[in-house]
């Protein structure tokens, strides 16, 4: 009877270890579509679910939309450079403070708030990082396929974790 429990526990721990995916180094140019193209080079069916590391700077986009706790921030190799959209959870992955009163957006069922860009922080394993601090993020690619042809039409680059970069 106890041997069965030990084998079950060993199988469960083996499955848990298999879930932890190893990240491979990524290149920014593979995650940003060249001018005139829609799908970046990294967005392939083979890359679906793979994890990559990228080092750069996170920042707020001009307009930040939040649905539930889902949002997206910009992530660039250099401040002000071409950026990719990084899917994040607020406040688990990034934090930002709103200023002023909330107001209903005209014509939409949405609330608008002004944000304080100076309050933007990326949550890392070794503390919070500001927009001016370089971070190494681990991201996971989630490929988007056309519902009929199953061709890759894009991908979501999802934040997994971050550490402050030297």
N, C-alpha and C. Protein backbone atom coordinates (compact mmCIF):
# COMPACT_ATOMS: atom_id res chain seq x y z
N UNK A 1 0.81 -1.19 0.00
CA UNK A 1 0.00 0.00 0.00
C UNK A 1 0.86 1.26 0.00
N UNK A 2 1.91 1.31 0.81
CA UNK A 2 2.75 2.49 0.88
C UNK A 2 3.59 2.63 -0.39
N UNK A 3 3.98 1.54 -0.99
CA UNK A 3 4.75 1.60 -2.24
C UNK A 3 3.94 2.28 -3.33
N UNK A 4 2.64 2.06 -3.37
CA UNK A 4 1.77 2.71 -4.35
C UNK A 4 1.78 4.22 -4.16
N UNK A 5 1.72 4.69 -2.90
CA UNK A 5 1.74 6.12 -2.61
C UNK A 5 3.07 6.74 -3.02
N UNK A 6 4.16 6.00 -2.76
CA UNK A 6 5.49 6.50 -3.12
C UNK A 6 5.61 6.62 -4.64
N UNK A 7 5.13 5.63 -5.37
CA UNK A 7 5.20 5.67 -6.83
C UNK A 7 4.32 6.79 -7.39
N UNK A 8 3.17 6.99 -6.80
CA UNK A 8 2.28 8.07 -7.24
C UNK A 8 2.94 9.42 -7.00
N UNK A 9 3.55 9.60 -5.83
CA UNK A 9 4.24 10.85 -5.52
C UNK A 9 5.41 11.07 -6.46
N UNK A 10 6.18 10.03 -6.75
CA UNK A 10 7.31 10.15 -7.68
C UNK A 10 6.84 10.54 -9.07
N UNK A 11 5.74 9.96 -9.54
CA UNK A 11 5.20 10.30 -10.86
C UNK A 11 4.73 11.74 -10.89
N UNK A 12 4.09 12.19 -9.80
CA UNK A 12 3.60 13.57 -9.75
C UNK A 12 4.76 14.56 -9.75
N UNK A 13 5.81 14.28 -9.00
CA UNK A 13 6.97 15.16 -8.97
C UNK A 13 7.68 15.17 -10.32
N UNK A 14 7.72 14.04 -10.99
CA UNK A 14 8.31 13.98 -12.33
C UNK A 14 7.53 14.81 -13.33
N UNK A 15 6.21 14.78 -13.22
CA UNK A 15 5.36 15.59 -14.10
C UNK A 15 5.55 17.07 -13.82
N UNK A 16 5.69 17.43 -12.54
CA UNK A 16 5.89 18.82 -12.17
C UNK A 16 7.22 19.33 -12.72
N UNK A 17 8.26 18.54 -12.65
CA UNK A 17 9.55 18.94 -13.19
C UNK A 17 9.49 19.12 -14.71
N UNK A 18 8.71 18.29 -15.37
CA UNK A 18 8.59 18.40 -16.83
C UNK A 18 7.86 19.66 -17.23
N UNK A 19 7.00 20.20 -16.35
CA UNK A 19 6.26 21.43 -16.66
C UNK A 19 7.17 22.65 -16.69
N UNK A 20 8.24 22.63 -15.95
CA UNK A 20 9.15 23.76 -15.89
C UNK A 20 9.96 23.79 -17.18
N UNK A 21 9.71 24.80 -18.00
CA UNK A 21 10.36 24.88 -19.30
C UNK A 21 11.63 25.71 -19.20
N UNK A 22 12.64 25.29 -19.91
CA UNK A 22 13.90 26.01 -19.94
C UNK A 22 13.81 27.10 -21.01
N UNK A 23 14.28 28.28 -20.69
CA UNK A 23 14.26 29.39 -21.64
C UNK A 23 15.57 29.44 -22.41
N UNK A 24 15.47 29.80 -23.67
CA UNK A 24 16.65 29.97 -24.50
C UNK A 24 16.81 31.44 -24.85
N UNK A 25 18.04 31.89 -25.09
CA UNK A 25 18.24 33.32 -25.41
C UNK A 25 17.50 33.70 -26.69
N UNK A 26 16.87 34.86 -26.67
CA UNK A 26 16.15 35.35 -27.84
C UNK A 26 16.81 36.61 -28.39
N UNK A 27 16.46 36.97 -29.62
CA UNK A 27 16.97 38.19 -30.26
C UNK A 27 15.77 39.10 -30.54
N UNK A 28 15.90 40.37 -30.21
CA UNK A 28 14.80 41.31 -30.40
C UNK A 28 14.31 41.32 -31.84
N UNK A 29 15.21 41.30 -32.78
CA UNK A 29 14.81 41.39 -34.19
C UNK A 29 13.91 40.22 -34.62
N UNK A 30 13.96 39.11 -33.90
CA UNK A 30 13.08 37.97 -34.21
C UNK A 30 11.67 38.15 -33.66
N UNK A 31 11.50 39.05 -32.68
CA UNK A 31 10.21 39.24 -32.03
C UNK A 31 9.45 40.46 -32.55
N UNK A 32 10.11 41.26 -33.40
CA UNK A 32 9.48 42.45 -33.97
C UNK A 32 9.39 42.26 -35.47
N UNK A 33 8.18 42.35 -36.03
CA UNK A 33 7.99 42.16 -37.47
C UNK A 33 8.70 43.26 -38.23
N UNK A 34 9.42 42.90 -39.30
CA UNK A 34 10.06 43.91 -40.14
C UNK A 34 8.99 44.82 -40.76
N UNK A 35 9.39 46.01 -41.12
CA UNK A 35 8.48 46.96 -41.75
C UNK A 35 7.86 46.31 -42.99
N UNK A 36 6.55 46.38 -43.10
CA UNK A 36 5.84 45.80 -44.23
C UNK A 36 5.36 44.37 -44.00
N UNK A 37 5.74 43.78 -42.87
CA UNK A 37 5.29 42.43 -42.54
C UNK A 37 4.46 42.46 -41.27
N UNK A 38 3.65 41.46 -41.09
CA UNK A 38 2.76 41.42 -39.93
C UNK A 38 3.27 40.45 -38.87
N UNK A 39 3.81 39.33 -39.29
CA UNK A 39 4.21 38.26 -38.36
C UNK A 39 5.72 38.28 -38.14
N UNK A 40 6.18 38.42 -36.89
CA UNK A 40 7.62 38.36 -36.60
C UNK A 40 8.19 36.98 -36.90
N UNK A 41 9.48 36.91 -37.13
CA UNK A 41 10.16 35.65 -37.47
C UNK A 41 10.03 34.60 -36.36
N UNK A 42 9.96 35.02 -35.11
CA UNK A 42 9.88 34.07 -34.00
C UNK A 42 8.53 33.38 -33.92
N UNK A 43 7.52 33.93 -34.57
CA UNK A 43 6.16 33.38 -34.49
C UNK A 43 5.98 32.25 -35.49
N UNK A 44 6.34 31.06 -35.07
CA UNK A 44 6.18 29.88 -35.91
C UNK A 44 5.45 28.82 -35.10
N UNK A 45 4.87 27.86 -35.79
CA UNK A 45 4.17 26.78 -35.10
C UNK A 45 5.13 26.01 -34.19
N UNK A 46 6.38 25.87 -34.62
CA UNK A 46 7.38 25.14 -33.82
C UNK A 46 7.72 25.89 -32.53
N UNK A 47 7.58 27.22 -32.53
CA UNK A 47 7.94 28.04 -31.37
C UNK A 47 6.81 28.15 -30.36
N UNK A 48 5.63 27.65 -30.70
CA UNK A 48 4.47 27.77 -29.81
C UNK A 48 4.77 27.13 -28.46
N UNK A 49 4.65 27.92 -27.40
CA UNK A 49 4.88 27.42 -26.05
C UNK A 49 6.33 27.49 -25.59
N UNK A 50 7.25 27.81 -26.49
CA UNK A 50 8.67 27.89 -26.09
C UNK A 50 8.92 29.16 -25.31
N UNK A 51 9.94 29.12 -24.46
CA UNK A 51 10.32 30.27 -23.65
C UNK A 51 11.66 30.82 -24.10
N UNK A 52 11.74 32.15 -24.03
CA UNK A 52 12.94 32.86 -24.44
C UNK A 52 13.28 33.92 -23.40
N UNK A 53 14.55 34.33 -23.35
CA UNK A 53 14.95 35.45 -22.51
C UNK A 53 15.34 36.61 -23.40
N UNK A 54 14.95 37.80 -22.99
CA UNK A 54 15.29 39.04 -23.69
C UNK A 54 15.72 40.05 -22.64
N UNK A 55 16.71 40.88 -22.96
CA UNK A 55 17.17 41.91 -22.04
C UNK A 55 16.90 43.27 -22.65
N UNK A 56 16.26 44.14 -21.87
CA UNK A 56 15.94 45.47 -22.37
C UNK A 56 15.22 46.31 -21.34
N UNK A 57 14.38 47.22 -21.84
CA UNK A 57 13.71 48.20 -21.00
C UNK A 57 12.20 48.13 -21.23
N UNK A 58 11.44 48.03 -20.15
CA UNK A 58 9.99 48.02 -20.22
C UNK A 58 9.48 49.45 -20.05
N UNK A 59 8.38 49.77 -20.72
CA UNK A 59 7.79 51.10 -20.58
C UNK A 59 6.29 51.02 -20.83
N UNK A 60 5.61 52.08 -20.43
CA UNK A 60 4.17 52.17 -20.66
C UNK A 60 3.92 52.57 -22.11
N UNK A 61 2.92 51.98 -22.76
CA UNK A 61 2.55 52.44 -24.09
C UNK A 61 1.80 53.78 -23.97
N UNK A 62 1.53 54.42 -25.10
CA UNK A 62 0.78 55.69 -25.08
C UNK A 62 -0.58 55.51 -24.43
N UNK A 63 -1.24 54.39 -24.72
CA UNK A 63 -2.53 54.07 -24.12
C UNK A 63 -2.44 52.68 -23.52
N UNK A 64 -2.78 52.57 -22.26
CA UNK A 64 -2.74 51.29 -21.56
C UNK A 64 -4.17 50.81 -21.34
N UNK A 65 -4.51 49.69 -21.93
CA UNK A 65 -5.83 49.09 -21.73
C UNK A 65 -5.69 47.94 -20.76
N UNK A 66 -6.63 47.87 -19.83
CA UNK A 66 -6.62 46.79 -18.84
C UNK A 66 -7.98 46.13 -18.85
N UNK A 67 -7.99 44.81 -19.05
CA UNK A 67 -9.22 44.02 -18.98
C UNK A 67 -9.02 42.97 -17.90
N UNK A 68 -9.74 43.14 -16.79
CA UNK A 68 -9.49 42.28 -15.64
C UNK A 68 -8.13 42.65 -15.08
N UNK A 69 -7.19 41.72 -15.15
CA UNK A 69 -5.82 42.05 -14.78
C UNK A 69 -4.86 41.89 -15.96
N UNK A 70 -5.41 41.69 -17.17
CA UNK A 70 -4.59 41.54 -18.38
C UNK A 70 -4.32 42.89 -19.02
N UNK A 71 -3.07 43.09 -19.45
CA UNK A 71 -2.68 44.31 -20.13
C UNK A 71 -1.44 44.02 -20.97
N UNK A 72 -0.87 45.05 -21.56
CA UNK A 72 0.36 44.91 -22.34
C UNK A 72 1.21 46.15 -22.17
N UNK A 73 2.51 45.96 -22.04
CA UNK A 73 3.46 47.07 -21.97
C UNK A 73 4.44 46.92 -23.12
N UNK A 74 5.23 47.96 -23.34
CA UNK A 74 6.24 47.90 -24.40
C UNK A 74 7.55 47.42 -23.81
N UNK A 75 8.31 46.68 -24.62
CA UNK A 75 9.62 46.18 -24.18
C UNK A 75 10.58 46.37 -25.34
N UNK A 76 11.63 47.16 -25.12
CA UNK A 76 12.58 47.50 -26.18
C UNK A 76 14.01 47.20 -25.74
N UNK A 77 14.86 46.96 -26.72
CA UNK A 77 16.27 46.68 -26.43
C UNK A 77 16.96 47.91 -25.86
N UNK A 78 16.61 49.10 -26.39
CA UNK A 78 17.14 50.37 -25.91
C UNK A 78 15.96 51.30 -25.62
N UNK A 79 16.08 52.21 -24.65
CA UNK A 79 14.98 53.14 -24.39
C UNK A 79 14.63 53.93 -25.65
N UNK A 80 13.36 53.97 -25.99
CA UNK A 80 12.91 54.70 -27.17
C UNK A 80 13.07 53.93 -28.48
N UNK A 81 13.61 52.72 -28.43
CA UNK A 81 13.80 51.91 -29.64
C UNK A 81 12.52 51.21 -30.05
N UNK A 82 12.58 50.48 -31.18
CA UNK A 82 11.41 49.70 -31.60
C UNK A 82 11.09 48.69 -30.51
N UNK A 83 9.82 48.62 -30.16
CA UNK A 83 9.42 47.80 -29.02
C UNK A 83 8.45 46.72 -29.45
N UNK A 84 8.47 45.63 -28.69
CA UNK A 84 7.48 44.58 -28.87
C UNK A 84 6.44 44.75 -27.77
N UNK A 85 5.27 44.22 -28.01
CA UNK A 85 4.19 44.27 -27.03
C UNK A 85 4.32 43.05 -26.13
N UNK A 86 4.39 43.29 -24.83
CA UNK A 86 4.60 42.24 -23.85
C UNK A 86 3.34 42.09 -23.00
N UNK A 87 2.67 40.94 -23.12
CA UNK A 87 1.44 40.69 -22.35
C UNK A 87 1.79 40.48 -20.89
N UNK A 88 1.14 41.25 -20.01
CA UNK A 88 1.44 41.20 -18.58
C UNK A 88 0.15 41.14 -17.77
N UNK A 89 0.31 40.83 -16.50
CA UNK A 89 -0.78 40.88 -15.52
C UNK A 89 -0.50 42.06 -14.59
N UNK A 90 -1.54 42.83 -14.30
CA UNK A 90 -1.41 43.95 -13.37
C UNK A 90 -2.18 43.57 -12.11
N UNK A 91 -1.63 43.64 -10.94
CA UNK A 91 -0.33 44.13 -10.50
C UNK A 91 0.72 43.04 -10.31
N UNK A 92 0.49 41.81 -10.74
CA UNK A 92 1.44 40.72 -10.50
C UNK A 92 2.77 40.93 -11.23
N UNK A 93 2.74 41.39 -12.50
CA UNK A 93 3.96 41.53 -13.30
C UNK A 93 4.47 42.96 -13.34
N UNK A 94 3.56 43.91 -13.45
CA UNK A 94 3.93 45.34 -13.47
C UNK A 94 2.98 46.11 -12.56
N UNK A 95 3.46 47.25 -12.10
CA UNK A 95 2.64 48.11 -11.25
C UNK A 95 2.70 49.54 -11.76
N UNK A 96 1.59 50.24 -11.66
CA UNK A 96 1.52 51.65 -12.04
C UNK A 96 0.41 52.31 -11.24
N UNK A 97 0.62 53.56 -10.87
CA UNK A 97 -0.35 54.30 -10.08
C UNK A 97 -1.20 55.20 -10.97
N UNK A 98 -2.47 55.25 -10.69
CA UNK A 98 -3.37 56.19 -11.38
C UNK A 98 -3.41 57.49 -10.58
N UNK A 99 -3.58 58.61 -11.29
CA UNK A 99 -3.71 59.90 -10.63
C UNK A 99 -5.03 60.52 -11.08
N UNK A 100 -5.61 61.31 -10.23
CA UNK A 100 -6.87 61.97 -10.60
C UNK A 100 -8.05 61.03 -10.48
N UNK A 101 -9.21 61.59 -10.71
CA UNK A 101 -10.46 60.84 -10.58
C UNK A 101 -10.73 60.01 -11.83
N UNK A 102 -11.39 58.88 -11.64
CA UNK A 102 -11.81 58.04 -12.77
C UNK A 102 -13.00 58.71 -13.44
N UNK A 103 -13.05 58.59 -14.77
CA UNK A 103 -14.21 59.12 -15.49
C UNK A 103 -14.62 58.12 -16.56
N UNK A 104 -15.89 58.11 -16.85
CA UNK A 104 -16.44 57.21 -17.86
C UNK A 104 -16.07 57.73 -19.24
N UNK A 105 -15.54 56.85 -20.08
CA UNK A 105 -15.17 57.23 -21.44
C UNK A 105 -16.43 57.36 -22.28
N UNK A 106 -16.57 58.44 -23.05
CA UNK A 106 -17.78 58.62 -23.86
C UNK A 106 -17.92 57.54 -24.93
N UNK A 107 -19.12 56.97 -25.02
CA UNK A 107 -19.40 55.98 -26.05
C UNK A 107 -18.90 54.59 -25.75
N UNK A 108 -18.22 54.41 -24.65
CA UNK A 108 -17.66 53.12 -24.30
C UNK A 108 -18.09 52.73 -22.90
N UNK A 109 -18.09 51.46 -22.64
CA UNK A 109 -18.32 51.00 -21.27
C UNK A 109 -16.96 50.78 -20.62
N UNK A 110 -16.26 51.88 -20.46
CA UNK A 110 -14.91 51.82 -19.91
C UNK A 110 -14.68 53.03 -19.01
N UNK A 111 -13.74 52.89 -18.13
CA UNK A 111 -13.34 53.98 -17.26
C UNK A 111 -11.96 54.44 -17.69
N UNK A 112 -11.77 55.74 -17.73
CA UNK A 112 -10.46 56.29 -18.09
C UNK A 112 -9.80 56.87 -16.85
N UNK A 113 -8.49 56.66 -16.76
CA UNK A 113 -7.69 57.21 -15.67
C UNK A 113 -6.39 57.73 -16.24
N UNK A 114 -5.88 58.77 -15.67
CA UNK A 114 -4.54 59.25 -16.00
C UNK A 114 -3.56 58.42 -15.18
N UNK A 115 -2.44 58.06 -15.79
CA UNK A 115 -1.43 57.26 -15.10
C UNK A 115 -0.21 58.11 -14.81
N UNK A 116 0.47 57.79 -13.74
CA UNK A 116 1.72 58.45 -13.40
C UNK A 116 2.87 57.61 -13.95
N UNK A 117 3.49 58.05 -15.07
CA UNK A 117 4.57 57.25 -15.67
C UNK A 117 5.74 57.00 -14.72
N UNK A 118 5.97 57.92 -13.80
CA UNK A 118 7.08 57.75 -12.85
C UNK A 118 6.82 56.60 -11.87
N UNK A 119 5.57 56.19 -11.73
CA UNK A 119 5.24 55.11 -10.79
C UNK A 119 5.36 53.72 -11.42
N UNK A 120 5.66 53.64 -12.72
CA UNK A 120 5.72 52.35 -13.43
C UNK A 120 6.85 51.50 -12.87
N UNK A 121 6.53 50.25 -12.54
CA UNK A 121 7.52 49.30 -12.01
C UNK A 121 7.29 47.92 -12.62
N UNK A 122 8.39 47.21 -12.89
CA UNK A 122 8.34 45.82 -13.32
C UNK A 122 8.70 44.98 -12.09
N UNK A 123 7.88 44.00 -11.81
CA UNK A 123 8.12 43.12 -10.67
C UNK A 123 9.15 42.08 -11.08
N UNK A 124 10.30 42.07 -10.41
CA UNK A 124 11.36 41.11 -10.72
C UNK A 124 11.62 40.22 -9.52
N UNK A 125 12.39 39.18 -9.73
CA UNK A 125 12.73 38.26 -8.65
C UNK A 125 13.58 38.94 -7.59
N UNK A 126 14.29 40.01 -7.97
CA UNK A 126 15.15 40.70 -7.02
C UNK A 126 14.69 42.14 -6.76
N UNK A 127 13.39 42.34 -6.66
CA UNK A 127 12.83 43.66 -6.35
C UNK A 127 12.16 44.28 -7.57
N UNK A 128 11.63 45.48 -7.40
CA UNK A 128 10.97 46.16 -8.51
C UNK A 128 11.98 46.97 -9.31
N UNK A 129 11.76 47.05 -10.62
CA UNK A 129 12.64 47.81 -11.51
C UNK A 129 11.84 48.93 -12.16
N UNK A 130 12.45 50.10 -12.30
CA UNK A 130 11.80 51.23 -12.95
C UNK A 130 11.98 51.12 -14.47
N UNK A 131 11.34 52.03 -15.20
CA UNK A 131 11.45 52.03 -16.66
C UNK A 131 12.87 52.34 -17.12
N UNK A 132 13.67 52.98 -16.28
CA UNK A 132 15.04 53.30 -16.68
C UNK A 132 16.04 52.20 -16.34
N UNK A 133 15.56 51.13 -15.71
CA UNK A 133 16.45 50.02 -15.34
C UNK A 133 16.30 48.88 -16.35
N UNK A 134 17.43 48.31 -16.72
CA UNK A 134 17.46 47.19 -17.64
C UNK A 134 17.06 45.91 -16.92
N UNK A 135 16.19 45.13 -17.57
CA UNK A 135 15.75 43.87 -16.99
C UNK A 135 15.87 42.75 -18.02
N UNK A 136 16.07 41.54 -17.53
CA UNK A 136 16.04 40.36 -18.38
C UNK A 136 14.72 39.66 -18.09
N UNK A 137 13.88 39.55 -19.13
CA UNK A 137 12.58 38.91 -18.95
C UNK A 137 12.59 37.54 -19.61
N UNK A 138 11.89 36.63 -19.01
CA UNK A 138 11.61 35.34 -19.63
C UNK A 138 10.19 35.46 -20.17
N UNK A 139 10.04 35.16 -21.46
CA UNK A 139 8.74 35.26 -22.12
C UNK A 139 8.36 33.91 -22.71
N UNK A 140 7.08 33.72 -22.89
CA UNK A 140 6.58 32.51 -23.54
C UNK A 140 5.77 32.92 -24.76
N UNK A 141 6.06 32.29 -25.90
CA UNK A 141 5.33 32.58 -27.12
C UNK A 141 4.04 31.77 -27.17
N UNK A 142 2.96 32.45 -27.49
CA UNK A 142 1.68 31.79 -27.72
C UNK A 142 1.25 32.13 -29.13
N UNK A 143 1.33 31.16 -30.01
CA UNK A 143 1.05 31.38 -31.43
C UNK A 143 -0.45 31.49 -31.66
N UNK A 144 -0.81 32.44 -32.52
CA UNK A 144 -2.20 32.63 -32.93
C UNK A 144 -2.34 32.10 -34.35
N UNK A 145 -3.31 31.18 -34.54
CA UNK A 145 -3.51 30.58 -35.86
C UNK A 145 -4.87 30.95 -36.41
N UNK A 146 -4.95 31.03 -37.73
CA UNK A 146 -6.23 31.29 -38.41
C UNK A 146 -7.17 30.13 -38.11
N UNK A 147 -8.42 30.44 -37.81
CA UNK A 147 -9.35 29.40 -37.37
C UNK A 147 -9.70 28.39 -38.46
N UNK A 148 -9.55 28.76 -39.73
CA UNK A 148 -9.88 27.81 -40.80
C UNK A 148 -8.63 27.18 -41.42
N UNK A 149 -7.64 28.02 -41.76
CA UNK A 149 -6.45 27.51 -42.45
C UNK A 149 -5.38 27.00 -41.49
N UNK A 150 -5.48 27.39 -40.23
CA UNK A 150 -4.50 27.03 -39.20
C UNK A 150 -3.11 27.58 -39.49
N UNK A 151 -3.02 28.59 -40.35
CA UNK A 151 -1.74 29.25 -40.60
C UNK A 151 -1.47 30.22 -39.45
N UNK A 152 -0.20 30.40 -39.13
CA UNK A 152 0.19 31.32 -38.07
C UNK A 152 -0.07 32.75 -38.54
N UNK A 153 -0.88 33.48 -37.77
CA UNK A 153 -1.20 34.86 -38.13
C UNK A 153 -0.58 35.87 -37.16
N UNK A 154 0.05 35.40 -36.12
CA UNK A 154 0.69 36.26 -35.14
C UNK A 154 1.00 35.49 -33.89
N UNK A 155 1.43 36.19 -32.87
CA UNK A 155 1.68 35.52 -31.60
C UNK A 155 1.62 36.53 -30.47
N UNK A 156 1.39 36.01 -29.29
CA UNK A 156 1.40 36.79 -28.07
C UNK A 156 2.70 36.47 -27.35
N UNK A 157 3.42 37.52 -26.95
CA UNK A 157 4.65 37.35 -26.18
C UNK A 157 4.25 37.61 -24.73
N UNK A 158 4.17 36.55 -23.94
CA UNK A 158 3.64 36.64 -22.58
C UNK A 158 4.78 36.66 -21.55
N UNK A 159 4.72 37.62 -20.65
CA UNK A 159 5.66 37.76 -19.55
C UNK A 159 5.57 36.54 -18.64
N UNK A 160 6.72 35.95 -18.29
CA UNK A 160 6.76 34.82 -17.34
C UNK A 160 7.43 35.26 -16.05
N UNK A 161 8.63 35.86 -16.17
CA UNK A 161 9.37 36.32 -15.00
C UNK A 161 10.42 37.34 -15.45
N UNK A 162 11.03 37.99 -14.46
CA UNK A 162 12.08 38.98 -14.77
C UNK A 162 13.09 39.05 -13.65
N UNK A 163 14.31 39.46 -14.00
CA UNK A 163 15.36 39.77 -13.04
C UNK A 163 16.02 41.06 -13.51
N UNK A 164 16.58 41.79 -12.58
CA UNK A 164 17.31 43.01 -12.97
C UNK A 164 18.58 42.59 -13.69
N UNK A 165 18.86 43.29 -14.79
CA UNK A 165 20.05 42.97 -15.59
C UNK A 165 21.22 43.82 -15.11
N UNK A 166 22.44 43.29 -15.23
CA UNK A 166 23.61 44.08 -14.82
C UNK A 166 23.87 45.25 -15.74
